[in-house]
Amino acid sequence: MKKLILFLFVALTFSACKKGDEDIAPKNPADVVAGRYKLSSFSLQQGSQGISLPGNGVALSGTAELSKTSQDGYVKLLLTVNNNVVFGDADDVQLEVRKTSEAYGLFDGNDQYGDVDGNNIIFSLSGTDGNNQQIALSFVGKK
């Protein structure tokens, strides 16, 4: 009986230490977040002008597409709203994908602009444009 208890204890100890597939980080985190996300909300403010969709009788039709770049761990963002490219068409901006607590963060240097878990994206960027006007861009989407 003692041998059986010892065997069960050892077997449980080793099986409890086994890592599941979900615990293993991918070699390239951009693989996890790359894809097309359908926007559920969008907001762009520039100076005193702005737009928030959906709202004011205007529907929202848009996507945020994250595509892998040639550099591991980086993605490029193409943001299209109501058939207009808002960001990313001619911009050569690459965002670094880093593992955060439960998801992945989108970073430019030390600044984090978004969270992505492979199914959902939340993005928020603010600053000043070339004319020294305040600008803020935010959106939420789902694959």
Protein backbone atom coordinates (compact mmCIF):
# COMPACT_ATOMS: atom_id res chain seq x y z
CA MET A 1 0.00 0.00 0.00
CA LYS A 2 2.88 2.38 0.82
CA LYS A 3 4.45 1.69 -2.59
CA LEU A 4 1.16 2.49 -4.35
CA ILE A 5 0.82 5.79 -2.47
CA LEU A 6 4.45 6.69 -3.25
CA PHE A 7 3.94 5.83 -6.94
CA LEU A 8 0.78 7.98 -7.15
CA PHE A 9 2.51 10.89 -5.42
CA VAL A 10 5.46 10.79 -7.84
CA ALA A 11 3.16 10.42 -10.88
CA LEU A 12 1.04 13.40 -9.83
CA THR A 13 4.09 15.52 -9.14
CA PHE A 14 5.50 15.02 -12.64
CA SER A 15 2.18 15.38 -14.42
CA ALA A 16 1.43 18.66 -12.59
CA CYS A 17 4.67 20.17 -13.87
CA LYS A 18 3.92 19.51 -17.53
CA LYS A 19 3.48 22.65 -19.63
CA GLY A 20 0.44 22.89 -21.83
CA ASP A 21 0.63 24.14 -25.41
CA GLU A 22 -0.95 27.45 -24.38
CA ASP A 23 1.92 28.14 -21.95
CA ILE A 24 4.56 28.09 -24.66
CA ALA A 25 5.29 31.52 -26.12
CA PRO A 26 5.53 31.64 -29.92
CA LYS A 27 8.92 32.35 -31.46
CA ASN A 28 7.43 35.32 -33.33
CA PRO A 29 4.63 37.06 -31.39
CA ALA A 30 3.57 38.80 -34.61
CA ASP A 31 2.24 35.39 -35.75
CA VAL A 32 -0.34 35.48 -32.95
CA VAL A 33 -1.69 39.00 -33.59
CA ALA A 34 -1.44 39.24 -37.39
CA GLY A 35 -4.78 39.35 -39.19
CA ARG A 36 -7.80 41.50 -39.97
CA TYR A 37 -9.95 42.91 -37.17
CA LYS A 38 -13.45 44.28 -37.82
CA LEU A 39 -13.89 47.62 -36.05
CA SER A 40 -16.71 48.05 -33.56
CA SER A 41 -15.78 51.64 -32.61
CA PHE A 42 -13.53 54.34 -34.04
CA SER A 43 -12.63 57.86 -32.92
CA LEU A 44 -10.33 60.46 -34.48
CA GLN A 45 -9.84 63.95 -33.04
CA GLN A 46 -7.58 66.54 -34.65
CA GLY A 47 -7.60 69.95 -33.04
CA SER A 48 -11.22 71.04 -32.70
CA GLN A 49 -12.48 68.62 -35.37
CA GLY A 50 -13.32 65.01 -34.77
CA ILE A 51 -15.40 62.02 -35.65
CA SER A 52 -16.65 59.08 -33.62
CA LEU A 53 -18.26 56.10 -35.26
CA PRO A 54 -20.80 54.71 -35.10
CA GLY A 55 -22.68 57.92 -34.33
CA ASN A 56 -24.81 60.75 -35.69
CA GLY A 57 -26.59 58.39 -38.06
CA VAL A 58 -23.33 57.26 -39.66
CA ALA A 59 -22.59 53.55 -39.57
CA LEU A 60 -19.11 52.15 -39.07
CA SER A 61 -17.54 49.88 -41.64
CA GLY A 62 -13.86 49.43 -41.09
CA THR A 63 -10.93 47.14 -40.47
CA ALA A 64 -7.59 47.22 -38.74
CA GLU A 65 -5.15 44.90 -40.45
CA LEU A 66 -1.95 43.87 -38.71
CA SER A 67 0.55 42.33 -41.10
CA LYS A 68 3.89 40.79 -40.20
CA THR A 69 6.99 42.58 -41.38
CA SER A 70 10.32 41.10 -42.40
CA GLN A 71 11.58 41.82 -38.88
CA ASP A 72 10.50 39.22 -36.29
CA GLY A 73 8.21 40.57 -33.60
CA TYR A 74 6.97 43.56 -35.63
CA VAL A 75 3.70 44.32 -37.42
CA LYS A 76 2.47 47.08 -39.69
CA LEU A 77 -0.99 48.59 -39.17
CA LEU A 78 -3.38 49.41 -42.02
CA LEU A 79 -6.53 51.13 -40.74
CA THR A 80 -9.48 51.53 -43.12
CA VAL A 81 -12.73 53.26 -42.11
CA ASN A 82 -15.78 53.55 -44.40
CA ASN A 83 -13.60 52.74 -47.45
CA ASN A 84 -10.99 55.38 -46.61
CA VAL A 85 -7.46 54.52 -45.49
CA VAL A 86 -6.96 56.44 -42.27
CA PHE A 87 -3.53 55.17 -41.31
CA GLY A 88 -0.85 52.96 -42.72
CA ASP A 89 -1.09 53.21 -46.51
CA ALA A 90 1.95 55.41 -47.06
CA ASP A 91 3.14 55.47 -43.46
CA ASP A 92 6.15 53.29 -42.79
CA VAL A 93 5.37 52.68 -39.13
CA GLN A 94 6.22 49.35 -37.56
CA LEU A 95 4.89 48.41 -34.15
CA GLU A 96 6.73 45.97 -31.94
CA VAL A 97 4.66 43.12 -30.48
CA ARG A 98 5.59 42.26 -26.90
CA LYS A 99 4.01 39.77 -24.52
CA THR A 100 2.22 41.51 -21.66
CA SER A 101 0.33 39.82 -18.82
CA GLU A 102 -2.50 38.03 -20.66
CA ALA A 103 -2.18 39.53 -24.12
CA TYR A 104 0.32 41.24 -26.42
CA GLY A 105 1.13 44.92 -26.46
CA LEU A 106 1.77 47.07 -29.55
CA PHE A 107 4.75 49.32 -28.86
CA ASP A 108 6.69 52.09 -30.56
CA GLY A 109 9.85 52.29 -28.50
CA ASN A 110 8.74 52.41 -24.87
CA ASP A 111 5.27 53.75 -25.68
CA GLN A 112 2.44 51.20 -25.71
CA TYR A 113 -0.46 52.05 -28.04
CA GLY A 114 -2.54 48.90 -28.01
CA ASP A 115 -3.42 45.49 -26.65
CA VAL A 116 -4.10 42.47 -28.82
CA ASP A 117 -4.91 38.91 -27.79
CA GLY A 118 -5.23 37.39 -31.27
CA ASN A 119 -9.02 37.82 -31.27
CA ASN A 120 -9.50 41.43 -30.08
CA ILE A 121 -7.63 44.70 -30.47
CA ILE A 122 -7.81 47.90 -28.42
CA PHE A 123 -5.74 50.81 -29.74
CA SER A 124 -5.23 54.37 -28.46
CA LEU A 125 -2.72 56.94 -29.67
CA SER A 126 -2.47 60.63 -28.80
CA GLY A 127 0.01 63.40 -29.42
CA THR A 128 0.55 66.42 -31.66
CA ASP A 129 0.65 66.56 -35.45
CA GLY A 130 3.00 68.56 -37.74
CA ASN A 131 0.88 71.69 -37.21
CA ASN A 132 1.20 71.38 -33.43
CA GLN A 133 -2.46 70.39 -33.06
CA GLN A 134 -3.58 67.75 -30.60
CA ILE A 135 -4.49 64.48 -32.29
CA ALA A 136 -6.06 61.37 -30.82
CA LEU A 137 -6.89 58.09 -32.57
CA SER A 138 -8.59 55.14 -30.92
CA PHE A 139 -10.45 52.05 -32.05
CA VAL A 140 -11.66 48.65 -30.92
CA GLY A 141 -12.03 45.58 -33.15
CA LYS A 142 -12.55 41.85 -33.24
CA LYS A 143 -11.35 39.14 -35.66
